[in-house]
């Protein structure tokens, strides 16, 4: 049996589980409403952000920042990110995934054990698996008390979880942190949306040197790239020891420039955030009117848990027939038995978009 025969067999297994995926071209069309994008503040198409990208004098960086790929826009963006986040220093990576791999691989060398929330994103899980440090997965949102943990420890969590949209108990985690512990917080989905001036949930913790923040520029920034922010000593170590920084081609300076403009709009974006949160409340109220659980929460991530892969796929297909894109999320992205629609609300959604979604969901539920 050749490797292609084995590949075909593996694909057959994936199809049989209802977990087959395919990359599809999704060009925006008139009348089609999209609830799949993480562009929460709708900055990816903002004229000022797009114009900044067009003004760039070059596209690709040309290499690693330690070789010929270091450009002024990288340093300027780092200098502007750090104070906004309330951290001493920030370091750019080419993606949020690379930031996770780099931060965890380096921080793991300073601790004896890693504790990871059960619902952490795959990038965090992959980073942890790549270390040679003992790792313990704790029940979602329930970090074991300090007396039951090994020290020093690296504790890894998201601030706003990507599939359920709920927040980690960051204040309690910080209060229970040992003096030699470090808390790594992935702010990917909170940045731009929550916290003072959209600076996320970790900004409320103050500039405690035991807190390290990572995030992405690919969601609320409407751009691309990732970063790690924390003490200057740590960012210096990352430059010297994080393989996903040292050996990776740097973020294109054109994108760094666009992200800088996006950061200005995020800091000044109270009206955008207010509209987004109002739309989220309207959606959650509409779902509750259908008997679908939806807590009052400002998170733009609103899950509709349907259970089986087949039911989630069928519901997503029926919505798409009615020109609404709300993709089915299935294992391994979410735990088995919790397949769902993951509704992602953006600042350019209007109440009529939400009403269309809720009305269509009601039709689908009645006829299913």
Protein backbone atom coordinates (compact mmCIF):
# COMPACT_ATOMS: atom_id res chain seq x y z
CA UNK A 1 0.00 0.00 0.00
CA UNK A 2 1.51 3.34 -1.07
CA UNK A 3 1.43 6.48 1.06
CA UNK A 4 -1.32 7.85 -1.23
CA UNK A 5 -3.43 4.76 -0.56
CA UNK A 6 -2.98 5.37 3.14
CA UNK A 7 -3.81 9.05 2.64
CA UNK A 8 -7.04 8.08 0.84
CA UNK A 9 -7.93 5.74 3.69
CA UNK A 10 -7.37 8.49 6.25
CA UNK A 11 -9.58 10.87 4.26
CA UNK A 12 -12.30 8.22 4.13
CA UNK A 13 -12.17 7.98 7.92
CA UNK A 14 -12.45 11.76 8.25
CA UNK A 15 -15.45 11.82 5.91
CA UNK A 16 -17.13 8.99 7.82
CA UNK A 17 -16.84 11.03 11.03
CA UNK A 18 -18.48 14.07 9.42
CA UNK A 19 -15.25 16.04 9.85
CA UNK A 20 -14.10 16.50 6.25
CA UNK A 21 -13.06 20.04 5.37
CA UNK A 22 -12.25 21.77 2.10
CA UNK A 23 -10.83 25.19 1.32
CA UNK A 24 -13.46 27.24 -0.47
CA UNK A 25 -13.23 30.57 -2.24
CA UNK A 26 -15.59 32.97 -0.53
CA UNK A 27 -15.83 36.18 -2.46
CA UNK A 28 -18.30 38.63 -0.88
CA UNK A 29 -21.49 38.91 -2.88
CA UNK A 30 -24.43 41.27 -2.59
CA UNK A 31 -27.02 40.12 -0.09
CA UNK A 32 -24.75 37.51 1.49
CA UNK A 33 -24.31 37.99 5.25
CA UNK A 34 -21.14 36.62 6.84
CA UNK A 35 -20.94 35.60 10.50
CA UNK A 36 -17.63 33.73 10.20
CA UNK A 37 -14.92 36.40 10.20
CA UNK A 38 -12.85 37.42 13.24
CA UNK A 39 -12.43 40.92 11.83
CA UNK A 40 -14.40 42.15 14.84
CA UNK A 41 -13.98 45.89 14.28
CA UNK A 42 -14.28 45.62 10.48
CA UNK A 43 -10.83 47.18 9.99
CA UNK A 44 -9.60 44.83 7.25
CA UNK A 45 -11.45 46.97 4.70
CA UNK A 46 -11.31 50.28 6.51
CA UNK A 47 -10.19 52.94 4.00
CA UNK A 48 -7.48 54.30 6.32
CA UNK A 49 -5.98 50.86 6.94
CA UNK A 50 -6.10 49.95 3.25
CA UNK A 51 -4.56 53.28 2.28
CA UNK A 52 -1.71 52.76 4.75
CA UNK A 53 -0.95 49.43 3.08
CA UNK A 54 -0.95 51.14 -0.32
CA UNK A 55 1.47 53.83 0.90
CA UNK A 56 4.10 51.27 1.86
CA UNK A 57 7.35 51.51 -0.10
CA UNK A 58 7.92 47.75 -0.09
CA UNK A 59 5.93 44.57 0.48
CA UNK A 60 8.09 41.64 1.67
CA UNK A 61 10.59 42.08 4.49
CA UNK A 62 13.33 40.13 2.73
CA UNK A 63 14.30 37.79 5.55
CA UNK A 64 14.63 37.30 9.28
CA UNK A 65 14.83 40.48 11.37
CA UNK A 66 18.24 39.29 12.58
CA UNK A 67 19.48 39.31 8.98
CA UNK A 68 18.14 41.73 6.38
CA UNK A 69 14.47 41.65 7.32
CA UNK A 70 14.41 44.24 10.08
CA UNK A 71 12.55 47.42 9.12
CA UNK A 72 11.55 50.66 10.84
CA UNK A 73 7.85 49.80 10.76
CA UNK A 74 8.45 46.73 12.92
CA UNK A 75 10.12 48.74 15.66
CA UNK A 76 7.53 51.53 15.53
CA UNK A 77 4.66 49.08 15.87
CA UNK A 78 6.34 47.35 18.83
CA UNK A 79 6.92 50.72 20.51
CA UNK A 80 3.23 51.60 20.12
CA UNK A 81 1.85 48.18 21.14
CA UNK A 82 3.72 47.94 24.46
CA UNK A 83 2.26 51.00 26.27
CA UNK A 84 -1.22 50.30 24.90
CA UNK A 85 -1.04 46.81 26.41
CA UNK A 86 0.49 48.11 29.64
CA UNK A 87 3.68 46.07 29.12
CA UNK A 88 7.32 47.08 29.13
CA UNK A 89 8.20 45.73 25.69
CA UNK A 90 6.59 43.97 22.72
CA UNK A 91 8.13 41.72 20.05
CA UNK A 92 6.54 41.02 16.67
CA UNK A 93 6.25 37.57 15.10
CA UNK A 94 5.03 36.74 11.61
CA UNK A 95 1.80 35.24 13.00
CA UNK A 96 -0.03 34.60 16.24
CA UNK A 97 0.77 30.90 15.81
CA UNK A 98 4.49 31.65 15.62
CA UNK A 99 4.19 33.93 18.67
CA UNK A 100 2.64 31.07 20.65
CA UNK A 101 5.30 28.59 19.62
CA UNK A 102 8.09 31.03 20.39
CA UNK A 103 6.79 32.25 23.74
CA UNK A 104 5.98 28.80 25.11
CA UNK A 105 9.22 27.19 23.94
CA UNK A 106 11.27 29.87 25.69
CA UNK A 107 9.18 30.21 28.85
CA UNK A 108 9.20 26.42 29.25
CA UNK A 109 12.95 26.63 29.84
CA UNK A 110 12.34 28.72 32.97
CA UNK A 111 9.83 26.43 34.74
CA UNK A 112 9.39 22.82 35.92
CA UNK A 113 5.77 22.28 34.86
CA UNK A 114 3.15 23.67 32.45
CA UNK A 115 -0.57 23.98 33.26
CA UNK A 116 -2.89 24.45 30.27
CA UNK A 117 -6.62 25.16 30.13
CA UNK A 118 -8.52 22.31 28.48
CA UNK A 119 -10.04 24.63 25.86
CA UNK A 120 -6.87 26.43 24.82
CA UNK A 121 -6.32 27.09 21.11
CA UNK A 122 -4.35 24.62 19.00
CA UNK A 123 -1.41 27.03 18.69
CA UNK A 124 -0.97 26.98 22.47
CA UNK A 125 -1.39 23.21 22.62
CA UNK A 126 1.18 22.68 19.86
CA UNK A 127 3.62 24.99 21.60
CA UNK A 128 3.26 23.05 24.85
CA UNK A 129 3.58 19.68 23.15
CA UNK A 130 6.84 20.81 21.59
CA UNK A 131 8.50 21.27 24.98
CA UNK A 132 10.10 18.60 27.15
CA UNK A 133 8.44 19.90 30.29
CA UNK A 134 5.77 18.03 32.24
CA UNK A 135 2.36 19.32 31.19
CA UNK A 136 -0.96 19.13 32.98
CA UNK A 137 -4.28 20.00 31.34
CA UNK A 138 -6.75 21.46 33.84
CA UNK A 139 -10.55 21.62 33.54
CA UNK A 140 -11.71 24.70 31.67
CA UNK A 141 -11.43 27.77 33.89
CA UNK A 142 -10.51 25.71 36.96
CA UNK A 143 -6.77 26.06 37.58
CA UNK A 144 -5.76 23.82 40.50
CA UNK A 145 -5.05 25.77 43.72
CA UNK A 146 -1.47 26.80 44.23
CA UNK A 147 -1.02 24.29 47.05
CA UNK A 148 -1.72 21.46 44.59
CA UNK A 149 0.58 22.74 41.82
CA UNK A 150 4.24 22.21 41.12
CA UNK A 151 6.41 25.34 41.10
CA UNK A 152 7.78 27.13 39.27
CA UNK A 153 5.03 26.70 36.67
CA UNK A 154 3.98 28.19 33.36
CA UNK A 155 0.21 28.68 33.30
CA UNK A 156 -1.26 29.05 29.82
CA UNK A 157 -4.72 30.41 29.09
CA UNK A 158 -6.69 32.45 26.64
CA UNK A 159 -8.34 35.58 28.01
CA UNK A 160 -11.40 35.21 25.76
CA UNK A 161 -11.84 31.68 24.51
CA UNK A 162 -12.15 31.34 20.76
CA UNK A 163 -14.98 28.80 20.52
CA UNK A 164 -17.16 29.53 23.56
CA UNK A 165 -16.54 33.26 23.90
CA UNK A 166 -16.22 33.10 27.68
CA UNK A 167 -13.50 34.82 29.69
CA UNK A 168 -10.84 33.29 31.92
CA UNK A 169 -10.80 34.30 35.64
CA UNK A 170 -7.61 36.29 35.18
CA UNK A 171 -7.76 38.24 38.45
CA UNK A 172 -8.15 35.03 40.45
CA UNK A 173 -5.35 33.36 38.51
CA UNK A 174 -3.01 36.26 39.18
CA UNK A 175 -3.93 36.30 42.88
CA UNK A 176 -3.04 32.60 43.12
CA UNK A 177 0.20 32.89 41.14
CA UNK A 178 3.43 31.85 42.84
CA UNK A 179 6.35 34.25 42.93
CA UNK A 180 8.32 32.04 40.52
CA UNK A 181 5.35 31.25 38.25
CA UNK A 182 4.52 32.91 34.95
CA UNK A 183 1.06 33.43 33.46
CA UNK A 184 0.90 33.47 29.65
CA UNK A 185 -2.35 35.02 28.39
CA UNK A 186 -3.44 34.76 24.76
CA UNK A 187 -5.46 37.92 24.07
CA UNK A 188 -6.18 37.07 20.41
CA UNK A 189 -9.97 37.47 20.62
CA UNK A 190 -10.20 40.15 23.33
CA UNK A 191 -7.93 42.75 21.76
CA UNK A 192 -9.79 45.62 20.15
CA UNK A 193 -13.07 44.46 21.67
CA UNK A 194 -12.67 44.44 25.46
CA UNK A 195 -10.71 46.37 28.06
CA UNK A 196 -9.78 50.03 28.31
CA UNK A 197 -9.29 51.44 24.80
CA UNK A 198 -9.70 47.91 23.48
CA UNK A 199 -6.43 46.78 25.08
CA UNK A 200 -7.84 43.41 26.17
CA UNK A 201 -8.56 41.83 29.52
CA UNK A 202 -4.97 41.42 30.75
CA UNK A 203 -4.46 45.19 30.91
CA UNK A 204 -6.57 45.14 34.08
CA UNK A 205 -3.85 43.07 35.79
CA UNK A 206 -1.27 45.84 35.73
CA UNK A 207 2.33 45.44 34.60
CA UNK A 208 3.13 42.46 36.82
CA UNK A 209 6.38 40.92 35.48
CA UNK A 210 4.91 37.43 35.99
CA UNK A 211 2.27 38.18 33.33
CA UNK A 212 3.16 37.73 29.67
CA UNK A 213 0.67 38.69 26.97
CA UNK A 214 0.55 37.39 23.43
CA UNK A 215 -1.85 38.24 20.64
CA UNK A 216 -2.48 38.54 16.96
CA UNK A 217 -2.90 41.34 14.45
CA UNK A 218 -5.12 39.19 12.24
CA UNK A 219 -8.44 39.68 14.04
CA UNK A 220 -9.54 43.09 15.35
CA UNK A 221 -6.54 44.74 13.68
CA UNK A 222 -7.70 43.47 10.29
CA UNK A 223 -4.05 42.81 9.37
CA UNK A 224 -1.67 39.93 10.04
CA UNK A 225 1.11 38.93 12.42
CA UNK A 226 1.47 38.27 16.12
CA UNK A 227 3.35 39.53 19.16
CA UNK A 228 4.52 38.73 22.67
CA UNK A 229 4.57 41.51 25.27
CA UNK A 230 6.08 41.54 28.74
CA UNK A 231 9.30 42.43 30.56
CA UNK A 232 12.16 43.70 28.37
CA UNK A 233 14.37 40.90 29.69
CA UNK A 234 11.94 38.33 28.29
CA UNK A 235 11.69 39.93 24.84
CA UNK A 236 15.49 40.03 24.74
CA UNK A 237 15.56 36.30 25.48
CA UNK A 238 12.93 35.65 22.79
CA UNK A 239 15.10 37.41 20.21
CA UNK A 240 17.95 35.12 21.17
CA UNK A 241 16.17 31.82 21.81
CA UNK A 242 12.75 31.67 20.09
CA UNK A 243 13.27 29.62 16.92
CA UNK A 244 9.97 30.85 15.43
CA UNK A 245 11.45 34.37 15.58
CA UNK A 246 15.10 33.70 14.75
CA UNK A 247 14.55 31.50 11.70
CA UNK A 248 11.34 32.98 10.30
CA UNK A 249 10.97 35.65 7.66
CA UNK A 250 9.81 38.84 9.32
CA UNK A 251 6.36 40.32 8.96
CA UNK A 252 6.04 42.37 5.73
CA UNK A 253 6.63 46.03 6.65
CA UNK A 254 3.60 47.04 4.58
CA UNK A 255 1.40 45.03 6.92
CA UNK A 256 3.14 46.44 9.99
CA UNK A 257 2.34 49.95 8.72
CA UNK A 258 -1.31 49.04 8.15
CA UNK A 259 -1.46 47.53 11.67
CA UNK A 260 -0.10 50.78 13.14
CA UNK A 261 -2.97 52.70 11.56
CA UNK A 262 -5.40 50.04 12.80
CA UNK A 263 -4.02 50.47 16.33
CA UNK A 264 -4.86 54.17 16.23
CA UNK A 265 -8.41 53.35 15.14
CA UNK A 266 -8.71 50.70 17.87
CA UNK A 267 -7.54 53.06 20.62
CA UNK A 268 -10.02 55.68 19.46
CA UNK A 269 -12.73 53.18 18.55
CA UNK A 270 -15.23 53.56 21.40
CA UNK A 271 -18.09 54.13 18.94
CA UNK A 272 -17.17 50.99 17.02
CA UNK A 273 -17.02 48.97 20.22
CA UNK A 274 -20.32 50.41 21.49
CA UNK A 275 -22.05 49.49 18.23
CA UNK A 276 -20.49 46.02 18.28
CA UNK A 277 -21.60 45.35 21.85
CA UNK A 278 -25.12 46.60 21.10
CA UNK A 279 -25.31 44.22 18.12
CA UNK A 280 -24.05 41.35 20.27
CA UNK A 281 -26.75 42.03 22.89
CA UNK A 282 -29.38 42.09 20.14
CA UNK A 283 -28.19 38.74 18.80
CA UNK A 284 -28.08 37.08 22.21
CA UNK A 285 -31.60 38.32 22.99
CA UNK A 286 -32.81 36.97 19.65
CA UNK A 287 -31.27 33.55 20.31
CA UNK A 288 -32.85 33.38 23.75
CA UNK A 289 -36.24 34.11 22.16
CA UNK A 290 -35.73 30.87 20.21
CA UNK A 291 -34.86 28.92 23.32
CA UNK A 292 -31.15 28.86 22.46
CA UNK A 293 -28.93 29.49 25.54
CA UNK A 294 -27.08 32.80 25.28
CA UNK A 295 -25.71 34.56 28.34
CA UNK A 296 -25.49 38.36 28.57
CA UNK A 297 -21.87 38.96 27.66
CA UNK A 298 -20.02 41.52 25.48
CA UNK A 299 -17.99 38.82 23.72
CA UNK A 300 -18.48 38.92 19.93
CA UNK A 301 -18.19 35.12 19.82
CA UNK A 302 -21.64 33.56 20.17
CA UNK A 303 -21.82 29.75 19.96
CA UNK A 304 -24.94 27.82 19.00
CA UNK A 305 -24.12 24.31 20.20
CA UNK A 306 -25.93 21.62 18.19
CA UNK A 307 -24.18 18.42 19.30
CA UNK A 308 -23.41 16.12 16.41
CA UNK A 309 -21.30 16.90 13.38
CA UNK A 310 -24.18 15.97 11.10
CA UNK A 311 -26.62 18.39 12.74
CA UNK A 312 -24.14 21.26 12.69
CA UNK A 313 -23.31 20.66 9.03
CA UNK A 314 -26.98 20.46 8.10
CA UNK A 315 -27.79 23.72 9.88
CA UNK A 316 -24.83 25.52 8.30
CA UNK A 317 -25.89 24.26 4.86
CA UNK A 318 -29.46 25.44 5.33
CA UNK A 319 -28.25 28.89 6.40
CA UNK A 320 -25.95 29.08 3.39
CA UNK A 321 -28.89 28.28 1.10
CA UNK A 322 -30.47 31.42 2.56
CA UNK A 323 -27.28 33.44 1.91
CA UNK A 324 -25.96 33.43 5.49
CA UNK A 325 -22.45 32.13 6.15
CA UNK A 326 -22.16 30.63 9.65
CA UNK A 327 -19.80 27.65 9.36
CA UNK A 328 -20.12 24.42 11.30
CA UNK A 329 -17.35 23.96 13.86
CA UNK A 330 -16.56 20.29 14.52
CA UNK A 331 -13.96 18.20 16.33
CA UNK A 332 -11.05 18.43 16.76
CA UNK A 333 -11.64 22.18 16.94
CA UNK A 334 -14.23 21.60 19.67
CA UNK A 335 -14.80 18.58 21.94
CA UNK A 336 -16.75 15.63 20.56
CA UNK A 337 -20.50 16.06 20.97
CA UNK A 338 -20.30 19.87 20.97
CA UNK A 339 -20.32 20.67 17.24
CA UNK A 340 -21.78 24.09 16.70
CA UNK A 341 -22.29 27.20 14.70
CA UNK A 342 -19.78 29.80 15.85
CA UNK A 343 -21.38 33.19 15.22
CA UNK A 344 -18.84 35.97 14.99
CA UNK A 345 -20.28 39.48 15.28
CA UNK A 346 -18.52 42.46 13.69
CA UNK A 347 -18.80 46.22 13.96
CA UNK A 348 -20.18 46.42 10.40
CA UNK A 349 -23.12 44.14 11.23
CA UNK A 350 -26.44 45.92 11.59
CA UNK A 351 -29.55 44.88 13.49
CA UNK A 352 -31.21 43.83 10.25
CA UNK A 353 -28.38 41.34 9.66
CA UNK A 354 -28.98 39.86 13.10
CA UNK A 355 -32.75 39.78 12.58
CA UNK A 356 -32.23 37.93 9.30
CA UNK A 357 -30.00 35.37 11.03
CA UNK A 358 -32.38 34.85 13.95
CA UNK A 359 -35.41 34.60 11.68
CA UNK A 360 -33.65 32.08 9.45
CA UNK A 361 -32.52 30.02 12.44
CA UNK A 362 -36.13 29.94 13.62
CA UNK A 363 -37.27 28.65 10.22
CA UNK A 364 -34.57 25.99 10.24
CA UNK A 365 -35.45 24.86 13.77
CA UNK A 366 -39.16 24.64 12.98
CA UNK A 367 -38.62 22.62 9.79
CA UNK A 368 -35.81 20.39 11.08
